[in-house]
């Protein structure tokens, strides 16, 4: 779906947004990843746009914290 460079960017953004979330919190990380992918699929490919999408995903439901 995405080229190698974009995939690397998406991974880096995910790791940065989820830096305070345990790797074992797979539900929260999956939710954030899906929102980042959704943003990228809609053409939002800047680092700032992707980070914002990930951060919004963390703020929405309080159960992710």
C-alpha atoms as a PDB file:
ATOM      1  CA  UNK A   1       0.000   0.000   0.000  1.00  0.00           C
ATOM      2  CA  UNK A   2       2.749   2.481   0.980  1.00  0.00           C
ATOM      3  CA  UNK A   3       6.342   2.665  -0.214  1.00  0.00           C
ATOM      4  CA  UNK A   4       9.267   1.773   2.032  1.00  0.00           C
ATOM      5  CA  UNK A   5       9.986   5.365   3.088  1.00  0.00           C
ATOM      6  CA  UNK A   6       6.366   6.078   3.984  1.00  0.00           C
ATOM      7  CA  UNK A   7       6.111   2.836   5.919  1.00  0.00           C
ATOM      8  CA  UNK A   8       9.223   3.781   7.894  1.00  0.00           C
ATOM      9  CA  UNK A   9       7.706   7.199   8.612  1.00  0.00           C
ATOM     10  CA  UNK A  10       4.450   5.629   9.817  1.00  0.00           C
ATOM     11  CA  UNK A  11       6.341   3.278  12.142  1.00  0.00           C
ATOM     12  CA  UNK A  12       8.455   6.118  13.529  1.00  0.00           C
ATOM     13  CA  UNK A  13       5.375   8.248  14.200  1.00  0.00           C
ATOM     14  CA  UNK A  14       3.616   5.319  15.871  1.00  0.00           C
ATOM     15  CA  UNK A  15       6.592   4.697  18.142  1.00  0.00           C
ATOM     16  CA  UNK A  16       6.862   8.369  19.052  1.00  0.00           C
ATOM     17  CA  UNK A  17       3.155   8.774  19.782  1.00  0.00           C
ATOM     18  CA  UNK A  18       3.125   5.558  21.816  1.00  0.00           C
ATOM     19  CA  UNK A  19       6.414   6.144  23.639  1.00  0.00           C
ATOM     20  CA  UNK A  20       4.635   6.122  27.026  1.00  0.00           C
ATOM     21  CA  UNK A  21       2.454   3.124  26.234  1.00  0.00           C
ATOM     22  CA  UNK A  22       3.719  -0.349  27.035  1.00  0.00           C
ATOM     23  CA  UNK A  23       4.351  -2.618  24.068  1.00  0.00           C
ATOM     24  CA  UNK A  24       1.984  -5.023  25.806  1.00  0.00           C
ATOM     25  CA  UNK A  25      -0.910  -2.558  25.499  1.00  0.00           C
ATOM     26  CA  UNK A  26      -1.706  -3.949  22.084  1.00  0.00           C
ATOM     27  CA  UNK A  27      -5.268  -2.627  21.957  1.00  0.00           C
ATOM     28  CA  UNK A  28      -4.181   0.958  22.485  1.00  0.00           C
ATOM     29  CA  UNK A  29      -1.245   0.690  20.085  1.00  0.00           C
ATOM     30  CA  UNK A  30      -3.431  -0.951  17.443  1.00  0.00           C
ATOM     31  CA  UNK A  31      -6.019   1.807  17.795  1.00  0.00           C
ATOM     32  CA  UNK A  32      -3.366   4.502  17.363  1.00  0.00           C
ATOM     33  CA  UNK A  33      -1.824   2.669  14.403  1.00  0.00           C
ATOM     34  CA  UNK A  34      -5.193   2.378  12.673  1.00  0.00           C
ATOM     35  CA  UNK A  35      -5.836   6.114  13.055  1.00  0.00           C
ATOM     36  CA  UNK A  36      -2.374   6.956  11.727  1.00  0.00           C
ATOM     37  CA  UNK A  37      -2.944   4.642   8.757  1.00  0.00           C
ATOM     38  CA  UNK A  38      -6.354   6.187   8.171  1.00  0.00           C
ATOM     39  CA  UNK A  39      -4.826   9.661   8.086  1.00  0.00           C
ATOM     40  CA  UNK A  40      -2.103   8.524   5.697  1.00  0.00           C
ATOM     41  CA  UNK A  41      -4.670   6.856   3.445  1.00  0.00           C
ATOM     42  CA  UNK A  42      -6.506  10.187   3.290  1.00  0.00           C
ATOM     43  CA  UNK A  43      -3.361  11.946   2.064  1.00  0.00           C
ATOM     44  CA  UNK A  44      -2.204  13.324   5.407  1.00  0.00           C
ATOM     45  CA  UNK A  45       1.444  12.371   5.075  1.00  0.00           C
ATOM     46  CA  UNK A  46       3.298  15.107   6.926  1.00  0.00           C
ATOM     47  CA  UNK A  47       4.857  14.188  10.248  1.00  0.00           C
ATOM     48  CA  UNK A  48       2.742  16.787  12.040  1.00  0.00           C
ATOM     49  CA  UNK A  49      -0.523  15.513  10.538  1.00  0.00           C
ATOM     50  CA  UNK A  50       0.313  11.901  11.365  1.00  0.00           C
ATOM     51  CA  UNK A  51       1.343  12.736  14.932  1.00  0.00           C
ATOM     52  CA  UNK A  52      -1.842  14.741  15.411  1.00  0.00           C
ATOM     53  CA  UNK A  53      -3.935  11.784  14.220  1.00  0.00           C
ATOM     54  CA  UNK A  54      -2.147   9.470  16.633  1.00  0.00           C
ATOM     55  CA  UNK A  55      -2.470  11.871  19.537  1.00  0.00           C
ATOM     56  CA  UNK A  56      -6.191  12.354  18.868  1.00  0.00           C
ATOM     57  CA  UNK A  57      -6.584   8.579  18.967  1.00  0.00           C
ATOM     58  CA  UNK A  58      -5.039   8.511  22.438  1.00  0.00           C
ATOM     59  CA  UNK A  59      -7.204  11.324  23.757  1.00  0.00           C
ATOM     60  CA  UNK A  60     -10.568  10.056  22.537  1.00  0.00           C
ATOM     61  CA  UNK A  61     -11.395   7.129  24.836  1.00  0.00           C
ATOM     62  CA  UNK A  62     -10.071   7.300  28.382  1.00  0.00           C
ATOM     63  CA  UNK A  63      -9.739   3.524  28.504  1.00  0.00           C
ATOM     64  CA  UNK A  64      -6.487   3.713  26.475  1.00  0.00           C
ATOM     65  CA  UNK A  65      -4.613   5.296  29.376  1.00  0.00           C
END
